[in-house]
């Protein structure tokens, strides 16, 4: 189906679905890391993802990218592996709720990276929203009292920055290419699986052998829904919309993470933490709205300049 015929509401709905499964993934990943450790969790997740997507590629007779397309897919696989690795180690060392909220800082970082790439700087009001998001982070990690962020908190913050780089790079490097979305994601997942298995090492075999049925269900959820489904939809959608719009829609992830952590994980936030969580989400969305108005105004000016007839110079 041609890209132009894909209804925008369908793209939006699928991106929100990605946010929902990713929001729930923090709680699932935390439970799995407590059973087999962070390194084995990553390896099992990506191995399950590779098997699941390989079956889909065979059924659909998808071709893997080659040449420059293969190099781009492999590079995006490295950044994706880094994002998920930082998130997993981070959630292992902090709460699922904190991790899900802190990752929303990618909403603030993505427009900045896009503006740098397009050489079009954002208005000052955007950076007011960015500062508000940082204040929200400080309130969230303070847990009702001043303290330094945990190592887990810092890892998730770094993951948010790397995710912004990954989303921006995915949009700019793949939008004009005709490589199969499934083929590109397949290469990414293979890179992630190889890297995570190398890090996990020999203990991975013992971890898989000792995994409980609930643990295998978690592996299937993380591998098939949070990796195959989410990665395919993310790349498919970002090639049909802006990286910033994709980030806005996937920005509901902290809401899902908070709901899962509180309702299913029994986690809680102090009043200051709740205020910080609200400030992070509100500032992120305010920043996105400012960026969108700025981008639309620029597009309108560009169209106006293109239509303006040239005036011949006087002799």
C-alpha atoms as a PDB file:
ATOM      1  CA  UNK A   1       0.000   0.000   0.000  1.00  0.00           C
ATOM      2  CA  UNK A   2       1.462   3.377  -0.926  1.00  0.00           C
ATOM      3  CA  UNK A   3       2.494   5.488   1.994  1.00  0.00           C
ATOM      4  CA  UNK A   4       0.220   8.354   0.972  1.00  0.00           C
ATOM      5  CA  UNK A   5      -2.858   6.129   1.308  1.00  0.00           C
ATOM      6  CA  UNK A   6      -2.223   5.179   4.940  1.00  0.00           C
ATOM      7  CA  UNK A   7      -4.797   7.089   7.040  1.00  0.00           C
ATOM      8  CA  UNK A   8      -3.016   9.229   9.623  1.00  0.00           C
ATOM      9  CA  UNK A   9      -5.312   8.066  12.493  1.00  0.00           C
ATOM     10  CA  UNK A  10      -4.113   4.488  11.915  1.00  0.00           C
ATOM     11  CA  UNK A  11      -0.486   5.588  12.191  1.00  0.00           C
ATOM     12  CA  UNK A  12      -1.329   7.503  15.374  1.00  0.00           C
ATOM     13  CA  UNK A  13      -3.229   4.587  16.921  1.00  0.00           C
ATOM     14  CA  UNK A  14      -0.401   2.137  16.292  1.00  0.00           C
ATOM     15  CA  UNK A  15       2.138   4.518  17.830  1.00  0.00           C
ATOM     16  CA  UNK A  16      -0.028   4.812  20.955  1.00  0.00           C
ATOM     17  CA  UNK A  17      -0.193   0.994  21.069  1.00  0.00           C
ATOM     18  CA  UNK A  18       3.619   0.958  21.006  1.00  0.00           C
ATOM     19  CA  UNK A  19       3.611   3.385  23.923  1.00  0.00           C
ATOM     20  CA  UNK A  20       1.230   1.121  25.861  1.00  0.00           C
ATOM     21  CA  UNK A  21       3.345  -2.025  25.536  1.00  0.00           C
ATOM     22  CA  UNK A  22       6.545  -0.103  26.207  1.00  0.00           C
ATOM     23  CA  UNK A  23       4.971   1.477  29.281  1.00  0.00           C
ATOM     24  CA  UNK A  24       4.094  -1.968  30.640  1.00  0.00           C
ATOM     25  CA  UNK A  25       7.524  -3.319  29.674  1.00  0.00           C
ATOM     26  CA  UNK A  26       9.299  -1.561  32.571  1.00  0.00           C
ATOM     27  CA  UNK A  27       7.384  -3.557  35.165  1.00  0.00           C
ATOM     28  CA  UNK A  28       7.788  -6.819  33.217  1.00  0.00           C
ATOM     29  CA  UNK A  29      11.503  -6.228  32.630  1.00  0.00           C
ATOM     30  CA  UNK A  30      12.111  -5.394  36.290  1.00  0.00           C
ATOM     31  CA  UNK A  31      10.503  -8.667  37.396  1.00  0.00           C
ATOM     32  CA  UNK A  32      12.512 -10.644  34.848  1.00  0.00           C
ATOM     33  CA  UNK A  33      15.824  -9.006  35.809  1.00  0.00           C
ATOM     34  CA  UNK A  34      15.177  -9.988  39.415  1.00  0.00           C
ATOM     35  CA  UNK A  35      14.826 -13.603  38.273  1.00  0.00           C
ATOM     36  CA  UNK A  36      17.733 -13.971  35.820  1.00  0.00           C
ATOM     37  CA  UNK A  37      19.660 -10.668  35.874  1.00  0.00           C
ATOM     38  CA  UNK A  38      19.747  -7.762  33.426  1.00  0.00           C
ATOM     39  CA  UNK A  39      22.230  -9.254  30.941  1.00  0.00           C
ATOM     40  CA  UNK A  40      20.299 -12.519  30.504  1.00  0.00           C
ATOM     41  CA  UNK A  41      17.018 -10.592  30.311  1.00  0.00           C
ATOM     42  CA  UNK A  42      18.339  -8.606  27.351  1.00  0.00           C
ATOM     43  CA  UNK A  43      19.728 -11.665  25.574  1.00  0.00           C
ATOM     44  CA  UNK A  44      16.555 -13.743  25.992  1.00  0.00           C
ATOM     45  CA  UNK A  45      14.388 -10.810  24.891  1.00  0.00           C
ATOM     46  CA  UNK A  46      16.322 -10.257  21.665  1.00  0.00           C
ATOM     47  CA  UNK A  47      16.675 -13.967  20.873  1.00  0.00           C
ATOM     48  CA  UNK A  48      12.888 -14.339  21.143  1.00  0.00           C
ATOM     49  CA  UNK A  49      12.474 -11.252  18.957  1.00  0.00           C
ATOM     50  CA  UNK A  50      14.836 -12.578  16.274  1.00  0.00           C
ATOM     51  CA  UNK A  51      13.019 -15.929  16.115  1.00  0.00           C
ATOM     52  CA  UNK A  52       9.596 -14.278  15.958  1.00  0.00           C
ATOM     53  CA  UNK A  53      10.530 -11.788  13.261  1.00  0.00           C
ATOM     54  CA  UNK A  54      12.475 -14.406  11.255  1.00  0.00           C
ATOM     55  CA  UNK A  55       9.293 -16.492  10.975  1.00  0.00           C
ATOM     56  CA  UNK A  56       7.358 -13.426   9.814  1.00  0.00           C
ATOM     57  CA  UNK A  57      10.041 -12.532   7.258  1.00  0.00           C
ATOM     58  CA  UNK A  58      10.060 -16.073   5.845  1.00  0.00           C
ATOM     59  CA  UNK A  59       6.276 -16.172   5.554  1.00  0.00           C
ATOM     60  CA  UNK A  60       6.217 -12.768   3.818  1.00  0.00           C
ATOM     61  CA  UNK A  61       9.376 -13.522   1.793  1.00  0.00           C
ATOM     62  CA  UNK A  62      10.971 -10.292   2.920  1.00  0.00           C
ATOM     63  CA  UNK A  63      14.391  -9.345   1.626  1.00  0.00           C
ATOM     64  CA  UNK A  64      17.092  -8.035   3.912  1.00  0.00           C
ATOM     65  CA  UNK A  65      18.652  -4.681   3.009  1.00  0.00           C
ATOM     66  CA  UNK A  66      22.034  -4.695   1.291  1.00  0.00           C
ATOM     67  CA  UNK A  67      24.815  -2.248   0.662  1.00  0.00           C
ATOM     68  CA  UNK A  68      24.180   1.155   2.221  1.00  0.00           C
ATOM     69  CA  UNK A  69      20.789  -0.027   3.497  1.00  0.00           C
ATOM     70  CA  UNK A  70      22.441  -2.848   5.424  1.00  0.00           C
ATOM     71  CA  UNK A  71      24.990  -0.472   6.955  1.00  0.00           C
ATOM     72  CA  UNK A  72      22.216   1.926   8.048  1.00  0.00           C
ATOM     73  CA  UNK A  73      20.172  -0.911   9.573  1.00  0.00           C
ATOM     74  CA  UNK A  74      23.211  -2.247  11.451  1.00  0.00           C
ATOM     75  CA  UNK A  75      24.027   1.226  12.792  1.00  0.00           C
ATOM     76  CA  UNK A  76      20.422   1.690  13.966  1.00  0.00           C
ATOM     77  CA  UNK A  77      20.656  -1.746  15.579  1.00  0.00           C
ATOM     78  CA  UNK A  78      23.608  -0.518  17.638  1.00  0.00           C
ATOM     79  CA  UNK A  79      21.717   2.535  18.892  1.00  0.00           C
ATOM     80  CA  UNK A  80      18.605   0.450  19.568  1.00  0.00           C
ATOM     81  CA  UNK A  81      20.640  -2.080  21.544  1.00  0.00           C
ATOM     82  CA  UNK A  82      22.150   0.758  23.576  1.00  0.00           C
ATOM     83  CA  UNK A  83      18.721   2.258  24.340  1.00  0.00           C
ATOM     84  CA  UNK A  84      17.183  -1.022  25.488  1.00  0.00           C
ATOM     85  CA  UNK A  85      20.324  -2.010  27.374  1.00  0.00           C
ATOM     86  CA  UNK A  86      20.428   1.246  29.320  1.00  0.00           C
ATOM     87  CA  UNK A  87      16.690   1.017  30.033  1.00  0.00           C
ATOM     88  CA  UNK A  88      16.960  -2.579  31.280  1.00  0.00           C
ATOM     89  CA  UNK A  89      19.952  -1.956  33.540  1.00  0.00           C
ATOM     90  CA  UNK A  90      18.295   1.240  34.717  1.00  0.00           C
ATOM     91  CA  UNK A  91      14.953  -0.338  35.626  1.00  0.00           C
ATOM     92  CA  UNK A  92      16.862  -3.106  37.430  1.00  0.00           C
ATOM     93  CA  UNK A  93      18.381  -0.448  39.712  1.00  0.00           C
ATOM     94  CA  UNK A  94      15.375   1.864  40.156  1.00  0.00           C
ATOM     95  CA  UNK A  95      11.595   1.521  40.214  1.00  0.00           C
ATOM     96  CA  UNK A  96       9.570   0.688  37.110  1.00  0.00           C
ATOM     97  CA  UNK A  97       7.548   3.870  37.680  1.00  0.00           C
ATOM     98  CA  UNK A  98      10.643   6.090  37.800  1.00  0.00           C
ATOM     99  CA  UNK A  99      12.103   4.455  34.690  1.00  0.00           C
ATOM    100  CA  UNK A 100       8.885   4.869  32.722  1.00  0.00           C
ATOM    101  CA  UNK A 101       8.623   8.544  33.625  1.00  0.00           C
ATOM    102  CA  UNK A 102      12.272   9.443  33.135  1.00  0.00           C
ATOM    103  CA  UNK A 103      12.368   7.931  29.635  1.00  0.00           C
ATOM    104  CA  UNK A 104       9.833  10.584  28.596  1.00  0.00           C
ATOM    105  CA  UNK A 105      12.712  13.076  28.540  1.00  0.00           C
ATOM    106  CA  UNK A 106      13.223  11.780  24.987  1.00  0.00           C
ATOM    107  CA  UNK A 107      10.238  13.995  24.130  1.00  0.00           C
ATOM    108  CA  UNK A 108      12.301  17.053  25.015  1.00  0.00           C
ATOM    109  CA  UNK A 109      15.516  15.866  23.391  1.00  0.00           C
ATOM    110  CA  UNK A 110      14.110  14.771  20.013  1.00  0.00           C
ATOM    111  CA  UNK A 111      12.979  18.234  18.780  1.00  0.00           C
ATOM    112  CA  UNK A 112      16.329  19.718  19.791  1.00  0.00           C
ATOM    113  CA  UNK A 113      18.178  17.120  17.732  1.00  0.00           C
ATOM    114  CA  UNK A 114      15.830  17.595  14.777  1.00  0.00           C
ATOM    115  CA  UNK A 115      16.307  21.371  14.910  1.00  0.00           C
ATOM    116  CA  UNK A 116      20.081  20.944  14.947  1.00  0.00           C
ATOM    117  CA  UNK A 117      19.895  18.531  12.010  1.00  0.00           C
ATOM    118  CA  UNK A 118      17.657  20.894  10.019  1.00  0.00           C
ATOM    119  CA  UNK A 119      19.613  24.014  11.147  1.00  0.00           C
ATOM    120  CA  UNK A 120      16.434  25.638  12.401  1.00  0.00           C
ATOM    121  CA  UNK A 121      16.704  26.667  16.065  1.00  0.00           C
ATOM    122  CA  UNK A 122      13.696  26.420  18.361  1.00  0.00           C
ATOM    123  CA  UNK A 123      12.098  29.458  20.094  1.00  0.00           C
ATOM    124  CA  UNK A 124      13.096  30.397  23.645  1.00  0.00           C
ATOM    125  CA  UNK A 125       9.778  29.218  25.082  1.00  0.00           C
ATOM    126  CA  UNK A 126      10.726  25.666  24.130  1.00  0.00           C
ATOM    127  CA  UNK A 127      13.730  25.759  26.410  1.00  0.00           C
ATOM    128  CA  UNK A 128      11.560  27.055  29.249  1.00  0.00           C
ATOM    129  CA  UNK A 129       9.565  23.831  28.865  1.00  0.00           C
ATOM    130  CA  UNK A 130      12.803  21.831  28.768  1.00  0.00           C
ATOM    131  CA  UNK A 131      13.975  23.400  32.035  1.00  0.00           C
ATOM    132  CA  UNK A 132      10.580  22.613  33.585  1.00  0.00           C
ATOM    133  CA  UNK A 133      11.008  18.965  32.568  1.00  0.00           C
ATOM    134  CA  UNK A 134      14.419  18.859  34.241  1.00  0.00           C
ATOM    135  CA  UNK A 135      12.894  20.345  37.423  1.00  0.00           C
ATOM    136  CA  UNK A 136      10.255  17.610  37.251  1.00  0.00           C
ATOM    137  CA  UNK A 137      12.997  14.981  37.066  1.00  0.00           C
ATOM    138  CA  UNK A 138      14.646  16.429  40.181  1.00  0.00           C
ATOM    139  CA  UNK A 139      11.313  16.293  42.029  1.00  0.00           C
ATOM    140  CA  UNK A 140      10.615  12.752  40.879  1.00  0.00           C
ATOM    141  CA  UNK A 141      13.935  11.241  41.907  1.00  0.00           C
ATOM    142  CA  UNK A 142      13.980  13.130  45.230  1.00  0.00           C
ATOM    143  CA  UNK A 143      11.304  10.735  46.554  1.00  0.00           C
ATOM    144  CA  UNK A 144       9.961  13.335  48.954  1.00  0.00           C
ATOM    145  CA  UNK A 145      13.376  14.558  50.082  1.00  0.00           C
ATOM    146  CA  UNK A 146      16.516  15.925  48.482  1.00  0.00           C
ATOM    147  CA  UNK A 147      18.918  13.217  47.361  1.00  0.00           C
ATOM    148  CA  UNK A 148      21.148  12.423  44.443  1.00  0.00           C
ATOM    149  CA  UNK A 149      19.619  10.311  41.642  1.00  0.00           C
ATOM    150  CA  UNK A 150      20.315   6.600  41.823  1.00  0.00           C
ATOM    151  CA  UNK A 151      22.509   4.893  39.253  1.00  0.00           C
ATOM    152  CA  UNK A 152      19.342   3.404  37.765  1.00  0.00           C
ATOM    153  CA  UNK A 153      17.780   6.859  37.382  1.00  0.00           C
ATOM    154  CA  UNK A 154      20.882   8.167  35.613  1.00  0.00           C
ATOM    155  CA  UNK A 155      20.997   5.176  33.252  1.00  0.00           C
ATOM    156  CA  UNK A 156      17.388   5.769  32.196  1.00  0.00           C
ATOM    157  CA  UNK A 157      18.073   9.486  31.636  1.00  0.00           C
ATOM    158  CA  UNK A 158      20.981   8.563  29.355  1.00  0.00           C
ATOM    159  CA  UNK A 159      18.681   6.051  27.620  1.00  0.00           C
ATOM    160  CA  UNK A 160      16.213   8.878  26.933  1.00  0.00           C
ATOM    161  CA  UNK A 161      18.949  10.933  25.253  1.00  0.00           C
ATOM    162  CA  UNK A 162      20.121   7.978  23.155  1.00  0.00           C
ATOM    163  CA  UNK A 163      16.499   7.174  22.220  1.00  0.00           C
ATOM    164  CA  UNK A 164      16.101  10.717  20.879  1.00  0.00           C
ATOM    165  CA  UNK A 165      19.234  10.194  18.766  1.00  0.00           C
ATOM    166  CA  UNK A 166      17.887   6.842  17.539  1.00  0.00           C
ATOM    167  CA  UNK A 167      14.439   8.189  16.571  1.00  0.00           C
ATOM    168  CA  UNK A 168      15.921  11.207  14.782  1.00  0.00           C
ATOM    169  CA  UNK A 169      18.484   9.083  12.943  1.00  0.00           C
ATOM    170  CA  UNK A 170      15.839   6.515  11.964  1.00  0.00           C
ATOM    171  CA  UNK A 171      13.686   9.225  10.395  1.00  0.00           C
ATOM    172  CA  UNK A 172      16.493  10.947   8.497  1.00  0.00           C
ATOM    173  CA  UNK A 173      18.310   7.824   7.316  1.00  0.00           C
ATOM    174  CA  UNK A 174      15.381   5.624   6.246  1.00  0.00           C
ATOM    175  CA  UNK A 175      12.615   7.983   5.071  1.00  0.00           C
ATOM    176  CA  UNK A 176      13.769   8.189   1.447  1.00  0.00           C
ATOM    177  CA  UNK A 177      14.871   4.549   1.177  1.00  0.00           C
ATOM    178  CA  UNK A 178      12.820   1.685  -0.234  1.00  0.00           C
ATOM    179  CA  UNK A 179      14.252  -1.038   2.025  1.00  0.00           C
ATOM    180  CA  UNK A 180      11.686  -3.350   3.585  1.00  0.00           C
ATOM    181  CA  UNK A 181      10.700  -2.211   7.087  1.00  0.00           C
ATOM    182  CA  UNK A 182      10.719  -5.810   8.324  1.00  0.00           C
ATOM    183  CA  UNK A 183      14.132  -6.389   6.743  1.00  0.00           C
ATOM    184  CA  UNK A 184      15.612  -3.299   8.401  1.00  0.00           C
ATOM    185  CA  UNK A 185      14.189  -4.269  11.806  1.00  0.00           C
ATOM    186  CA  UNK A 186      15.438  -7.847  11.340  1.00  0.00           C
ATOM    187  CA  UNK A 187      18.997  -6.584  10.919  1.00  0.00           C
ATOM    188  CA  UNK A 188      18.580  -4.330  13.967  1.00  0.00           C
ATOM    189  CA  UNK A 189      17.360  -7.211  16.124  1.00  0.00           C
ATOM    190  CA  UNK A 190      20.176  -9.515  15.001  1.00  0.00           C
ATOM    191  CA  UNK A 191      22.691  -6.836  16.001  1.00  0.00           C
ATOM    192  CA  UNK A 192      20.926  -6.448  19.366  1.00  0.00           C
ATOM    193  CA  UNK A 193      20.854 -10.232  19.925  1.00  0.00           C
ATOM    194  CA  UNK A 194      24.526 -10.736  19.076  1.00  0.00           C
ATOM    195  CA  UNK A 195      25.622  -7.874  21.329  1.00  0.00           C
ATOM    196  CA  UNK A 196      23.432  -8.925  24.269  1.00  0.00           C
ATOM    197  CA  UNK A 197      24.423 -12.606  24.041  1.00  0.00           C
ATOM    198  CA  UNK A 198      28.096 -11.637  24.004  1.00  0.00           C
ATOM    199  CA  UNK A 199      27.582  -9.565  27.149  1.00  0.00           C
ATOM    200  CA  UNK A 200      25.513 -12.259  28.904  1.00  0.00           C
ATOM    201  CA  UNK A 201      28.079 -14.976  28.141  1.00  0.00           C
ATOM    202  CA  UNK A 202      27.919 -18.537  29.457  1.00  0.00           C
ATOM    203  CA  UNK A 203      25.507 -17.813  32.357  1.00  0.00           C
ATOM    204  CA  UNK A 204      22.794 -17.258  29.724  1.00  0.00           C
ATOM    205  CA  UNK A 205      22.349 -21.032  29.295  1.00  0.00           C
ATOM    206  CA  UNK A 206      21.806 -21.577  33.021  1.00  0.00           C
ATOM    207  CA  UNK A 207      19.429 -18.604  33.150  1.00  0.00           C
ATOM    208  CA  UNK A 208      17.289 -20.030  30.354  1.00  0.00           C
ATOM    209  CA  UNK A 209      17.236 -23.483  31.962  1.00  0.00           C
ATOM    210  CA  UNK A 210      16.078 -22.107  35.324  1.00  0.00           C
ATOM    211  CA  UNK A 211      13.429 -19.756  33.940  1.00  0.00           C
ATOM    212  CA  UNK A 212       9.911 -20.198  35.333  1.00  0.00           C
ATOM    213  CA  UNK A 213       6.783 -20.352  33.115  1.00  0.00           C
ATOM    214  CA  UNK A 214       5.994 -16.796  34.197  1.00  0.00           C
ATOM    215  CA  UNK A 215       9.520 -15.824  33.205  1.00  0.00           C
ATOM    216  CA  UNK A 216       9.080 -17.313  29.726  1.00  0.00           C
ATOM    217  CA  UNK A 217       5.800 -15.402  29.387  1.00  0.00           C
ATOM    218  CA  UNK A 218       7.736 -12.238  30.232  1.00  0.00           C
ATOM    219  CA  UNK A 219      10.368 -13.114  27.615  1.00  0.00           C
ATOM    220  CA  UNK A 220       7.616 -13.593  25.010  1.00  0.00           C
ATOM    221  CA  UNK A 221       6.010 -10.264  25.936  1.00  0.00           C
ATOM    222  CA  UNK A 222       9.302  -8.366  25.791  1.00  0.00           C
ATOM    223  CA  UNK A 223      10.529 -10.135  22.661  1.00  0.00           C
ATOM    224  CA  UNK A 224       7.400 -10.306  20.524  1.00  0.00           C
ATOM    225  CA  UNK A 225       5.321  -7.314  21.583  1.00  0.00           C
ATOM    226  CA  UNK A 226       7.883  -4.851  22.944  1.00  0.00           C
ATOM    227  CA  UNK A 227      10.531  -5.655  20.311  1.00  0.00           C
ATOM    228  CA  UNK A 228       9.066  -7.134  17.110  1.00  0.00           C
ATOM    229  CA  UNK A 229       5.709  -5.351  17.138  1.00  0.00           C
ATOM    230  CA  UNK A 230       7.011  -2.092  18.622  1.00  0.00           C
ATOM    231  CA  UNK A 231      10.184  -1.792  16.512  1.00  0.00           C
ATOM    232  CA  UNK A 232       8.368  -2.593  13.266  1.00  0.00           C
ATOM    233  CA  UNK A 233       5.558  -0.130  13.976  1.00  0.00           C
ATOM    234  CA  UNK A 234       7.981   2.567  15.150  1.00  0.00           C
ATOM    235  CA  UNK A 235      10.086   2.425  11.986  1.00  0.00           C
ATOM    236  CA  UNK A 236       7.036   1.966   9.730  1.00  0.00           C
ATOM    237  CA  UNK A 237       5.329   4.991  11.284  1.00  0.00           C
ATOM    238  CA  UNK A 238       8.359   7.286  11.544  1.00  0.00           C
ATOM    239  CA  UNK A 239       8.853   6.879   7.784  1.00  0.00           C
ATOM    240  CA  UNK A 240       5.334   8.279   7.334  1.00  0.00           C
ATOM    241  CA  UNK A 241       5.427  11.140   9.834  1.00  0.00           C
ATOM    242  CA  UNK A 242       7.978  13.331  11.597  1.00  0.00           C
ATOM    243  CA  UNK A 243      10.226  11.983  14.326  1.00  0.00           C
ATOM    244  CA  UNK A 244       8.781  14.643  16.623  1.00  0.00           C
ATOM    245  CA  UNK A 245       5.173  13.602  15.960  1.00  0.00           C
ATOM    246  CA  UNK A 246       6.139   9.970  16.608  1.00  0.00           C
ATOM    247  CA  UNK A 247       7.715  11.028  19.902  1.00  0.00           C
ATOM    248  CA  UNK A 248       4.560  12.942  20.884  1.00  0.00           C
ATOM    249  CA  UNK A 249       2.346   9.900  20.349  1.00  0.00           C
ATOM    250  CA  UNK A 250       4.759   7.483  21.969  1.00  0.00           C
ATOM    251  CA  UNK A 251       5.066  10.033  24.766  1.00  0.00           C
ATOM    252  CA  UNK A 252       2.037   8.480  26.444  1.00  0.00           C
ATOM    253  CA  UNK A 253       4.481   5.752  27.519  1.00  0.00           C
ATOM    254  CA  UNK A 254       5.101   7.285  30.994  1.00  0.00           C
ATOM    255  CA  UNK A 255       1.357   7.349  31.636  1.00  0.00           C
ATOM    256  CA  UNK A 256       1.133   3.623  30.916  1.00  0.00           C
ATOM    257  CA  UNK A 257       4.288   2.966  32.955  1.00  0.00           C
ATOM    258  CA  UNK A 258       2.886   4.865  35.936  1.00  0.00           C
ATOM    259  CA  UNK A 259      -0.437   3.025  35.689  1.00  0.00           C
ATOM    260  CA  UNK A 260       1.251  -0.379  35.465  1.00  0.00           C
ATOM    261  CA  UNK A 261       3.711   0.354  38.258  1.00  0.00           C
ATOM    262  CA  UNK A 262       1.031   1.557  40.668  1.00  0.00           C
ATOM    263  CA  UNK A 263      -1.856  -0.757  39.722  1.00  0.00           C
ATOM    264  CA  UNK A 264       0.073  -3.973  39.060  1.00  0.00           C
ATOM    265  CA  UNK A 265       3.472  -3.520  40.680  1.00  0.00           C
ATOM    266  CA  UNK A 266       2.343  -2.033  43.974  1.00  0.00           C
ATOM    267  CA  UNK A 267       4.743   0.897  43.557  1.00  0.00           C
ATOM    268  CA  UNK A 268       3.921   4.358  44.855  1.00  0.00           C
ATOM    269  CA  UNK A 269       5.088   7.948  44.618  1.00  0.00           C
ATOM    270  CA  UNK A 270       5.245  10.580  47.339  1.00  0.00           C
ATOM    271  CA  UNK A 271       3.372  13.842  46.778  1.00  0.00           C
ATOM    272  CA  UNK A 272       6.538  15.573  45.550  1.00  0.00           C
ATOM    273  CA  UNK A 273       7.212  12.665  43.208  1.00  0.00           C
ATOM    274  CA  UNK A 274       3.677  12.820  41.795  1.00  0.00           C
ATOM    275  CA  UNK A 275       4.074  16.565  41.209  1.00  0.00           C
ATOM    276  CA  UNK A 276       7.388  15.925  39.468  1.00  0.00           C
ATOM    277  CA  UNK A 277       5.823  13.209  37.285  1.00  0.00           C
ATOM    278  CA  UNK A 278       3.026  15.582  36.267  1.00  0.00           C
ATOM    279  CA  UNK A 279       5.549  18.339  35.516  1.00  0.00           C
ATOM    280  CA  UNK A 280       7.662  16.026  33.330  1.00  0.00           C
ATOM    281  CA  UNK A 281       4.682  14.949  31.234  1.00  0.00           C
ATOM    282  CA  UNK A 282       3.169  18.451  31.010  1.00  0.00           C
ATOM    283  CA  UNK A 283       6.481  20.105  30.115  1.00  0.00           C
ATOM    284  CA  UNK A 284       7.225  17.435  27.514  1.00  0.00           C
ATOM    285  CA  UNK A 285       3.896  17.944  25.791  1.00  0.00           C
ATOM    286  CA  UNK A 286       4.155  21.738  26.039  1.00  0.00           C
ATOM    287  CA  UNK A 287       7.562  21.541  24.389  1.00  0.00           C
ATOM    288  CA  UNK A 288       6.152  19.361  21.632  1.00  0.00           C
ATOM    289  CA  UNK A 289       3.310  21.834  21.020  1.00  0.00           C
ATOM    290  CA  UNK A 290       5.783  24.731  20.795  1.00  0.00           C
ATOM    291  CA  UNK A 291       7.945  22.760  18.367  1.00  0.00           C
ATOM    292  CA  UNK A 292       4.952  21.872  16.213  1.00  0.00           C
ATOM    293  CA  UNK A 293       3.790  25.510  15.954  1.00  0.00           C
ATOM    294  CA  UNK A 294       7.346  26.559  15.116  1.00  0.00           C
ATOM    295  CA  UNK A 295       7.624  23.910  12.378  1.00  0.00           C
ATOM    296  CA  UNK A 296       4.225  24.780  10.859  1.00  0.00           C
ATOM    297  CA  UNK A 297       5.091  28.491  10.836  1.00  0.00           C
ATOM    298  CA  UNK A 298       8.354  27.743   9.062  1.00  0.00           C
ATOM    299  CA  UNK A 299       6.577  25.580   6.483  1.00  0.00           C
ATOM    300  CA  UNK A 300       4.045  28.380   5.877  1.00  0.00           C
ATOM    301  CA  UNK A 301       6.839  30.932   5.400  1.00  0.00           C
ATOM    302  CA  UNK A 302       8.633  28.596   3.008  1.00  0.00           C
ATOM    303  CA  UNK A 303       5.471  28.131   0.928  1.00  0.00           C
ATOM    304  CA  UNK A 304       4.886  31.896   0.898  1.00  0.00           C
ATOM    305  CA  UNK A 305       8.415  32.583  -0.306  1.00  0.00           C
ATOM    306  CA  UNK A 306       8.047  29.934  -2.995  1.00  0.00           C
ATOM    307  CA  UNK A 307       4.853  31.574  -4.313  1.00  0.00           C
ATOM    308  CA  UNK A 308       6.180  35.139  -4.148  1.00  0.00           C
ATOM    309  CA  UNK A 309       7.055  36.290  -7.691  1.00  0.00           C
ATOM    310  CA  UNK A 310      10.528  37.580  -8.245  1.00  0.00           C
ATOM    311  CA  UNK A 311      10.830  41.337  -8.901  1.00  0.00           C
ATOM    312  CA  UNK A 312      13.200  42.245 -11.720  1.00  0.00           C
ATOM    313  CA  UNK A 313      15.903  44.673 -10.728  1.00  0.00           C
ATOM    314  CA  UNK A 314      15.920  48.156 -12.201  1.00  0.00           C
ATOM    315  CA  UNK A 315      18.575  48.937 -14.807  1.00  0.00           C
END
